[in-house]
N, C-alpha and C. Protein backbone atom coordinates (compact mmCIF):
# COMPACT_ATOMS: atom_id res chain seq x y z
N MET A 1 4.05 155.88 252.62
CA MET A 1 3.67 157.27 252.46
C MET A 1 2.32 157.55 253.14
N PHE A 2 1.33 156.66 252.87
CA PHE A 2 0.02 156.85 253.48
C PHE A 2 0.13 156.82 255.00
N LEU A 3 0.88 155.83 255.51
CA LEU A 3 1.04 155.70 256.95
C LEU A 3 1.72 156.92 257.54
N THR A 4 2.75 157.42 256.86
CA THR A 4 3.45 158.62 257.33
C THR A 4 2.50 159.80 257.41
N ASN A 5 1.69 160.02 256.37
CA ASN A 5 0.74 161.13 256.36
C ASN A 5 -0.33 160.94 257.44
N ALA A 6 -0.78 159.70 257.61
CA ALA A 6 -1.79 159.43 258.64
C ALA A 6 -1.21 159.72 260.03
N LEU A 7 0.04 159.33 260.26
CA LEU A 7 0.68 159.60 261.55
C LEU A 7 0.85 161.10 261.77
N LYS A 8 1.22 161.82 260.71
CA LYS A 8 1.36 163.28 260.82
C LYS A 8 0.03 163.90 261.23
N ARG A 9 -1.07 163.46 260.59
CA ARG A 9 -2.37 164.03 260.92
C ARG A 9 -2.76 163.73 262.36
N LEU A 10 -2.48 162.49 262.81
CA LEU A 10 -2.78 162.14 264.20
C LEU A 10 -1.95 162.99 265.16
N THR A 11 -0.68 163.20 264.82
CA THR A 11 0.19 164.02 265.65
C THR A 11 -0.31 165.45 265.68
N LEU A 12 -0.71 165.97 264.51
CA LEU A 12 -1.23 167.33 264.45
C LEU A 12 -2.49 167.46 265.28
N ALA A 13 -3.37 166.50 265.16
CA ALA A 13 -4.61 166.54 265.94
C ALA A 13 -4.31 166.51 267.43
N ALA A 14 -3.34 165.70 267.82
CA ALA A 14 -2.97 165.62 269.23
C ALA A 14 -2.38 166.94 269.71
N LEU A 15 -1.54 167.57 268.88
CA LEU A 15 -0.95 168.86 269.27
C LEU A 15 -2.02 169.93 269.47
N VAL A 16 -2.97 169.96 268.55
CA VAL A 16 -4.02 170.97 268.63
C VAL A 16 -4.92 170.71 269.82
N ALA A 17 -5.13 169.44 270.15
CA ALA A 17 -6.05 169.10 271.24
C ALA A 17 -5.40 169.12 272.62
N LEU A 18 -4.08 169.33 272.67
CA LEU A 18 -3.41 169.33 273.97
C LEU A 18 -4.01 170.37 274.91
N PRO A 19 -4.34 169.99 276.11
CA PRO A 19 -4.84 170.99 277.06
C PRO A 19 -3.69 171.88 277.52
N PHE A 20 -4.03 173.06 277.92
CA PHE A 20 -3.05 174.02 278.40
C PHE A 20 -2.46 173.52 279.70
N ALA A 21 -1.15 173.50 279.76
CA ALA A 21 -0.47 173.04 280.98
C ALA A 21 -0.44 174.18 281.99
N ALA A 22 -1.28 174.09 283.01
CA ALA A 22 -1.38 175.17 283.99
C ALA A 22 -0.05 175.43 284.68
N GLY A 23 0.73 174.39 284.90
CA GLY A 23 2.01 174.55 285.55
C GLY A 23 3.07 175.12 284.63
N ALA A 24 2.91 174.99 283.36
CA ALA A 24 3.79 175.55 282.36
C ALA A 24 5.21 175.04 282.47
N THR A 25 6.19 175.92 282.26
CA THR A 25 7.57 175.48 282.09
C THR A 25 8.24 175.03 283.37
N ASP A 26 7.93 175.61 284.49
CA ASP A 26 8.62 175.21 285.72
C ASP A 26 7.65 174.85 286.84
N GLY A 27 6.37 174.65 286.50
CA GLY A 27 5.42 174.22 287.50
C GLY A 27 4.76 175.36 288.26
N THR A 28 5.07 176.61 287.92
CA THR A 28 4.44 177.72 288.62
C THR A 28 3.26 178.23 287.81
N ALA A 29 2.30 178.79 288.50
CA ALA A 29 1.12 179.32 287.83
C ALA A 29 1.39 180.70 287.23
N THR A 30 2.57 181.25 287.44
CA THR A 30 2.86 182.60 286.96
C THR A 30 3.43 182.63 285.55
N ASP A 31 3.76 181.47 284.98
CA ASP A 31 4.29 181.44 283.63
C ASP A 31 3.21 181.89 282.65
N SER A 32 3.52 182.89 281.87
CA SER A 32 2.57 183.36 280.86
C SER A 32 2.68 182.49 279.63
N ALA A 33 1.72 182.64 278.73
CA ALA A 33 1.77 181.91 277.46
C ALA A 33 3.05 182.25 276.71
N ALA A 34 3.51 183.50 276.80
CA ALA A 34 4.75 183.90 276.13
C ALA A 34 5.94 183.17 276.73
N ASP A 35 5.95 182.96 278.05
CA ASP A 35 7.03 182.20 278.69
C ASP A 35 7.03 180.75 278.21
N ILE A 36 5.85 180.17 278.14
CA ILE A 36 5.72 178.79 277.69
C ILE A 36 6.17 178.68 276.24
N TRP A 37 5.74 179.62 275.41
CA TRP A 37 6.14 179.63 274.00
C TRP A 37 7.65 179.83 273.87
N GLY A 38 8.24 180.66 274.73
CA GLY A 38 9.68 180.86 274.70
C GLY A 38 10.45 179.58 274.96
N ALA A 39 9.88 178.70 275.79
CA ALA A 39 10.53 177.43 276.10
C ALA A 39 10.26 176.37 275.04
N ASP A 40 9.16 176.52 274.30
CA ASP A 40 8.79 175.55 273.26
C ASP A 40 8.15 176.30 272.10
N ARG A 41 8.97 176.77 271.19
CA ARG A 41 8.50 177.60 270.09
C ARG A 41 7.61 176.87 269.09
N ALA A 42 7.59 175.55 269.15
CA ALA A 42 6.74 174.78 268.25
C ALA A 42 5.36 174.52 268.86
N ARG A 43 5.14 175.00 270.06
CA ARG A 43 3.87 174.79 270.76
C ARG A 43 2.72 175.48 270.02
N ILE A 44 1.61 174.79 269.88
CA ILE A 44 0.40 175.35 269.30
C ILE A 44 -0.57 175.58 270.45
N PHE A 45 -1.04 176.82 270.58
CA PHE A 45 -1.93 177.18 271.67
C PHE A 45 -3.38 177.20 271.21
N ASP A 46 -4.28 176.94 272.14
CA ASP A 46 -5.70 177.14 271.92
C ASP A 46 -6.02 178.58 272.32
N ALA A 47 -6.96 179.20 271.64
CA ALA A 47 -7.30 180.61 271.91
C ALA A 47 -7.76 180.83 273.35
N SER A 48 -8.30 179.80 273.98
CA SER A 48 -8.76 179.95 275.36
C SER A 48 -7.59 180.08 276.34
N GLU A 49 -6.37 179.77 275.89
CA GLU A 49 -5.20 179.77 276.75
C GLU A 49 -4.42 181.08 276.74
N VAL A 50 -4.71 181.96 275.79
CA VAL A 50 -3.83 183.11 275.58
C VAL A 50 -4.62 184.40 275.35
N THR A 51 -3.89 185.51 275.45
CA THR A 51 -4.39 186.80 275.01
C THR A 51 -3.34 187.38 274.06
N LEU A 52 -3.76 188.25 273.19
CA LEU A 52 -2.81 188.86 272.26
C LEU A 52 -1.79 189.72 273.01
N ASP A 53 -2.22 190.35 274.09
CA ASP A 53 -1.31 191.21 274.85
C ASP A 53 -0.09 190.45 275.38
N GLU A 54 -0.24 189.16 275.64
CA GLU A 54 0.88 188.36 276.14
C GLU A 54 2.03 188.27 275.13
N PHE A 55 1.70 188.42 273.85
CA PHE A 55 2.71 188.27 272.81
C PHE A 55 3.14 189.59 272.18
N LYS A 56 2.55 190.70 272.63
CA LYS A 56 2.87 191.99 272.05
C LYS A 56 4.37 192.29 272.21
N TRP A 57 5.01 192.65 271.12
CA TRP A 57 6.44 192.97 271.03
C TRP A 57 7.33 191.74 271.22
N ILE A 58 6.74 190.56 271.35
CA ILE A 58 7.51 189.33 271.57
C ILE A 58 7.40 188.38 270.37
N ALA A 59 6.17 188.21 269.88
CA ALA A 59 5.93 187.23 268.81
C ALA A 59 4.88 187.75 267.84
N ARG A 60 4.80 187.06 266.71
CA ARG A 60 3.79 187.36 265.69
C ARG A 60 2.76 186.22 265.71
N PRO A 61 1.61 186.44 266.32
CA PRO A 61 0.60 185.37 266.34
C PRO A 61 0.00 185.11 264.96
N VAL A 62 -0.10 183.84 264.61
CA VAL A 62 -0.88 183.38 263.47
C VAL A 62 -2.04 182.63 264.08
N ILE A 63 -3.24 183.14 263.85
CA ILE A 63 -4.43 182.55 264.46
C ILE A 63 -5.23 181.85 263.37
N VAL A 64 -5.56 180.59 263.62
CA VAL A 64 -6.33 179.80 262.67
C VAL A 64 -7.69 179.53 263.29
N PHE A 65 -8.72 180.11 262.68
CA PHE A 65 -10.09 179.95 263.15
C PHE A 65 -10.82 178.95 262.26
N ALA A 66 -11.73 178.21 262.85
CA ALA A 66 -12.67 177.35 262.12
C ALA A 66 -13.84 177.09 263.04
N ASP A 67 -14.95 176.68 262.45
CA ASP A 67 -16.13 176.38 263.27
C ASP A 67 -16.03 175.01 263.94
N THR A 68 -15.10 174.18 263.46
CA THR A 68 -14.85 172.86 264.03
C THR A 68 -13.46 172.40 263.64
N ALA A 69 -12.84 171.58 264.47
CA ALA A 69 -11.52 171.04 264.14
C ALA A 69 -11.59 170.07 262.97
N ALA A 70 -12.79 169.62 262.62
CA ALA A 70 -12.98 168.71 261.50
C ALA A 70 -13.03 169.44 260.15
N ASP A 71 -13.02 170.77 260.16
CA ASP A 71 -13.04 171.56 258.92
C ASP A 71 -11.80 171.20 258.09
N PRO A 72 -11.98 170.75 256.84
CA PRO A 72 -10.82 170.37 256.02
C PRO A 72 -9.83 171.52 255.82
N ALA A 73 -10.32 172.74 255.73
CA ALA A 73 -9.42 173.89 255.58
C ALA A 73 -8.57 174.07 256.83
N PHE A 74 -9.15 173.85 258.01
CA PHE A 74 -8.41 173.94 259.26
C PHE A 74 -7.31 172.88 259.30
N SER A 75 -7.67 171.64 258.99
CA SER A 75 -6.68 170.54 259.00
C SER A 75 -5.56 170.83 258.01
N GLN A 76 -5.92 171.30 256.83
CA GLN A 76 -4.91 171.61 255.82
C GLN A 76 -3.99 172.73 256.31
N GLN A 77 -4.56 173.76 256.92
CA GLN A 77 -3.74 174.89 257.39
C GLN A 77 -2.77 174.45 258.49
N ILE A 78 -3.25 173.66 259.43
CA ILE A 78 -2.37 173.20 260.51
C ILE A 78 -1.25 172.34 259.93
N GLU A 79 -1.58 171.50 258.97
CA GLU A 79 -0.55 170.67 258.34
C GLU A 79 0.48 171.54 257.62
N LEU A 80 0.03 172.55 256.89
CA LEU A 80 0.95 173.46 256.20
C LEU A 80 1.87 174.16 257.19
N LEU A 81 1.32 174.61 258.30
CA LEU A 81 2.11 175.33 259.30
C LEU A 81 3.14 174.42 259.96
N THR A 82 2.73 173.22 260.33
CA THR A 82 3.64 172.34 261.06
C THR A 82 4.71 171.74 260.17
N GLN A 83 4.45 171.62 258.87
CA GLN A 83 5.45 171.08 257.95
C GLN A 83 6.68 171.97 257.85
N ARG A 84 6.50 173.27 258.03
CA ARG A 84 7.61 174.21 257.89
C ARG A 84 7.73 175.09 259.14
N MET A 85 7.56 174.45 260.27
CA MET A 85 7.58 175.16 261.55
C MET A 85 8.88 175.92 261.77
N ASP A 86 10.00 175.38 261.29
CA ASP A 86 11.29 176.04 261.50
C ASP A 86 11.32 177.44 260.89
N GLU A 87 10.66 177.62 259.75
CA GLU A 87 10.62 178.95 259.13
C GLU A 87 9.79 179.92 259.97
N LEU A 88 8.74 179.41 260.57
CA LEU A 88 7.90 180.25 261.42
C LEU A 88 8.63 180.60 262.71
N ILE A 89 9.33 179.64 263.28
CA ILE A 89 10.10 179.88 264.50
C ILE A 89 11.14 180.96 264.25
N ALA A 90 11.79 180.93 263.09
CA ALA A 90 12.80 181.92 262.75
C ALA A 90 12.21 183.33 262.66
N ARG A 91 10.91 183.42 262.45
CA ARG A 91 10.23 184.71 262.32
C ARG A 91 9.40 185.05 263.57
N ASP A 92 9.66 184.36 264.66
CA ASP A 92 8.97 184.59 265.94
C ASP A 92 7.45 184.45 265.83
N VAL A 93 7.00 183.41 265.13
CA VAL A 93 5.57 183.16 264.96
C VAL A 93 5.09 182.20 266.03
N VAL A 94 3.98 182.54 266.66
CA VAL A 94 3.29 181.64 267.59
C VAL A 94 1.96 181.29 266.94
N ILE A 95 1.63 180.00 266.95
CA ILE A 95 0.40 179.54 266.32
C ILE A 95 -0.67 179.36 267.39
N ILE A 96 -1.83 179.94 267.09
CA ILE A 96 -2.98 179.87 268.00
C ILE A 96 -4.17 179.35 267.19
N THR A 97 -4.93 178.43 267.77
CA THR A 97 -6.10 177.90 267.07
C THR A 97 -7.37 178.20 267.86
N ASP A 98 -8.47 178.31 267.13
CA ASP A 98 -9.78 178.50 267.76
C ASP A 98 -10.81 177.78 266.90
N THR A 99 -11.29 176.64 267.39
CA THR A 99 -12.30 175.86 266.67
C THR A 99 -13.58 175.74 267.49
N SER A 100 -13.79 176.66 268.41
CA SER A 100 -14.96 176.62 269.28
C SER A 100 -15.73 177.93 269.22
N PRO A 101 -16.54 178.13 268.18
CA PRO A 101 -17.27 179.40 268.07
C PRO A 101 -18.22 179.66 269.24
N ASP A 102 -18.72 178.62 269.86
CA ASP A 102 -19.65 178.80 270.98
C ASP A 102 -18.96 179.32 272.23
N ASP A 103 -17.65 179.10 272.35
CA ASP A 103 -16.92 179.55 273.53
C ASP A 103 -16.61 181.05 273.49
N ARG A 104 -16.69 181.66 272.33
CA ARG A 104 -16.49 183.12 272.16
C ARG A 104 -15.22 183.61 272.87
N SER A 105 -14.08 183.09 272.47
CA SER A 105 -12.80 183.51 273.03
C SER A 105 -12.57 184.99 272.79
N GLU A 106 -11.64 185.57 273.53
CA GLU A 106 -11.28 186.98 273.33
C GLU A 106 -10.87 187.22 271.88
N LEU A 107 -10.10 186.30 271.32
CA LEU A 107 -9.64 186.46 269.94
C LEU A 107 -10.80 186.42 268.95
N ARG A 108 -11.75 185.53 269.19
CA ARG A 108 -12.91 185.43 268.30
C ARG A 108 -13.78 186.69 268.40
N ARG A 109 -13.92 187.22 269.61
CA ARG A 109 -14.71 188.45 269.77
C ARG A 109 -14.02 189.63 269.09
N LYS A 110 -12.71 189.69 269.18
CA LYS A 110 -11.96 190.80 268.61
C LYS A 110 -11.85 190.72 267.08
N LEU A 111 -11.59 189.53 266.55
CA LEU A 111 -11.30 189.38 265.12
C LEU A 111 -12.51 188.98 264.28
N ARG A 112 -13.55 188.50 264.91
CA ARG A 112 -14.84 188.19 264.28
C ARG A 112 -14.75 187.37 263.00
N PRO A 113 -14.19 186.16 263.10
CA PRO A 113 -14.11 185.31 261.90
C PRO A 113 -15.47 184.74 261.53
N ARG A 114 -15.62 184.40 260.27
CA ARG A 114 -16.81 183.70 259.80
C ARG A 114 -16.33 182.41 259.16
N GLY A 115 -16.50 181.31 259.85
CA GLY A 115 -15.99 180.05 259.35
C GLY A 115 -14.47 180.01 259.46
N PHE A 116 -13.82 179.45 258.44
CA PHE A 116 -12.37 179.38 258.45
C PHE A 116 -11.77 180.76 258.20
N MET A 117 -10.71 181.07 258.96
CA MET A 117 -9.97 182.31 258.71
C MET A 117 -8.57 182.17 259.30
N LEU A 118 -7.59 182.62 258.53
CA LEU A 118 -6.21 182.71 258.99
C LEU A 118 -5.92 184.19 259.20
N THR A 119 -5.39 184.53 260.37
CA THR A 119 -5.06 185.91 260.68
C THR A 119 -3.62 185.99 261.16
N LEU A 120 -2.89 186.95 260.61
CA LEU A 120 -1.52 187.22 261.05
C LEU A 120 -1.53 188.53 261.80
N ILE A 121 -1.01 188.50 263.02
CA ILE A 121 -0.92 189.68 263.87
C ILE A 121 0.55 190.06 263.97
N GLY A 122 0.88 191.34 263.85
CA GLY A 122 2.26 191.79 263.99
C GLY A 122 2.67 191.86 265.45
N LYS A 123 3.96 192.03 265.66
CA LYS A 123 4.46 192.17 267.03
C LYS A 123 3.87 193.39 267.72
N ASP A 124 3.42 194.36 266.95
CA ASP A 124 2.81 195.56 267.51
C ASP A 124 1.35 195.33 267.92
N GLY A 125 0.82 194.14 267.64
CA GLY A 125 -0.55 193.81 268.01
C GLY A 125 -1.58 194.11 266.93
N GLY A 126 -1.15 194.67 265.81
CA GLY A 126 -2.07 195.00 264.72
C GLY A 126 -2.28 193.85 263.76
N VAL A 127 -3.48 193.80 263.17
CA VAL A 127 -3.80 192.77 262.18
C VAL A 127 -3.05 193.12 260.89
N LYS A 128 -2.26 192.17 260.40
CA LYS A 128 -1.45 192.38 259.20
C LYS A 128 -2.01 191.66 257.98
N LEU A 129 -2.77 190.59 258.24
CA LEU A 129 -3.25 189.77 257.13
C LEU A 129 -4.43 188.94 257.58
N ARG A 130 -5.43 188.83 256.70
CA ARG A 130 -6.57 187.93 256.92
C ARG A 130 -6.80 187.16 255.64
N LYS A 131 -6.98 185.86 255.76
CA LYS A 131 -7.23 185.03 254.58
C LYS A 131 -8.37 184.07 254.89
N PRO A 132 -9.33 183.92 253.97
CA PRO A 132 -10.46 183.01 254.19
C PRO A 132 -10.18 181.59 253.71
N PHE A 133 -8.93 181.29 253.38
CA PHE A 133 -8.55 179.97 252.90
C PHE A 133 -7.12 179.68 253.37
N PRO A 134 -6.72 178.41 253.39
CA PRO A 134 -5.37 178.07 253.88
C PRO A 134 -4.28 178.74 253.04
N TRP A 135 -3.23 179.12 253.75
CA TRP A 135 -2.09 179.78 253.12
C TRP A 135 -0.83 179.03 253.46
N ASP A 136 0.05 178.89 252.49
CA ASP A 136 1.31 178.19 252.68
C ASP A 136 2.27 179.05 253.51
N VAL A 137 3.17 178.39 254.23
CA VAL A 137 4.16 179.10 255.05
C VAL A 137 5.02 180.02 254.19
N ARG A 138 5.25 179.63 252.96
CA ARG A 138 6.05 180.47 252.06
C ARG A 138 5.41 181.86 251.90
N GLU A 139 4.11 181.89 251.67
CA GLU A 139 3.41 183.17 251.52
C GLU A 139 3.36 183.95 252.83
N ILE A 140 3.13 183.23 253.92
CA ILE A 140 3.11 183.88 255.24
C ILE A 140 4.48 184.49 255.53
N SER A 141 5.53 183.73 255.26
CA SER A 141 6.90 184.21 255.49
C SER A 141 7.20 185.45 254.65
N ARG A 142 6.77 185.43 253.40
CA ARG A 142 7.00 186.61 252.55
C ARG A 142 6.29 187.84 253.11
N SER A 143 5.07 187.65 253.58
CA SER A 143 4.33 188.77 254.17
C SER A 143 5.06 189.31 255.40
N ILE A 144 5.55 188.42 256.23
CA ILE A 144 6.27 188.83 257.44
C ILE A 144 7.56 189.54 257.05
N ASP A 145 8.28 188.97 256.09
CA ASP A 145 9.58 189.54 255.71
C ASP A 145 9.48 190.94 255.11
N LYS A 146 8.30 191.33 254.66
CA LYS A 146 8.09 192.69 254.12
C LYS A 146 7.80 193.71 255.22
N MET A 147 7.52 193.25 256.43
CA MET A 147 7.18 194.15 257.53
C MET A 147 8.41 194.92 257.98
N PRO A 148 8.27 196.22 258.29
CA PRO A 148 9.42 197.02 258.73
C PRO A 148 10.15 196.44 259.94
N MET A 149 9.41 195.93 260.91
CA MET A 149 10.07 195.39 262.10
C MET A 149 10.91 194.16 261.74
N ARG A 150 10.39 193.32 260.85
CA ARG A 150 11.14 192.14 260.42
C ARG A 150 12.38 192.56 259.62
N GLN A 151 12.24 193.60 258.80
CA GLN A 151 13.39 194.12 258.05
C GLN A 151 14.49 194.56 259.02
N GLN A 152 14.09 195.20 260.11
CA GLN A 152 15.07 195.63 261.12
C GLN A 152 15.71 194.42 261.80
N GLU A 153 14.91 193.40 262.09
CA GLU A 153 15.44 192.18 262.69
C GLU A 153 16.49 191.53 261.78
N ILE A 154 16.22 191.52 260.48
CA ILE A 154 17.17 190.95 259.52
C ILE A 154 18.46 191.76 259.49
N ARG A 155 18.32 193.08 259.48
CA ARG A 155 19.52 193.95 259.50
C ARG A 155 20.32 193.74 260.78
N ASP A 156 19.65 193.67 261.91
CA ASP A 156 20.33 193.45 263.19
C ASP A 156 21.05 192.11 263.21
N ALA A 157 20.43 191.09 262.63
CA ALA A 157 21.06 189.76 262.59
C ALA A 157 22.32 189.78 261.74
N LYS A 158 22.29 190.54 260.65
CA LYS A 158 23.47 190.65 259.79
C LYS A 158 24.62 191.36 260.50
N ARG A 159 24.27 192.29 261.38
CA ARG A 159 25.29 193.03 262.14
C ARG A 159 25.76 192.27 263.38
N GLY A 160 25.12 191.14 263.65
CA GLY A 160 25.52 190.32 264.79
C GLY A 160 24.93 190.77 266.11
N ARG A 161 23.82 191.46 266.08
CA ARG A 161 23.17 191.92 267.32
C ARG A 161 22.29 190.87 267.90
């Protein structure tokens, strides 16, 4: 059990630390972050790699901020998200991390976190949720499922669209 958890943490750390692949899905520089995410929905992006506009009307960004990747709340949140990634994928969630306050990413300038913060952005680009502590995927999913656009997606899926 300990070894399994240790391996999960190492895998999570490696995923978060992965540099952005400039060539992306087919080796061209024109692939947007949304294209890359479309090819690998479990991909975790760094805030320096993306803009919110790239995901507008395509995905629901969940942004996890911390002042350092060593923040226990950050590690816990990433573990919670990756444990139930399939539920997030079903809801068109893209995970974005920002653990570099000195780099002042576009997301950090726009959302202005103080220490750890979890932010859920809707497909319309609006902030839907902010939490100063880690949140389980179950609660995130419930919040998403209450959104009008998600309700429409569920209805469309039932009709076979």
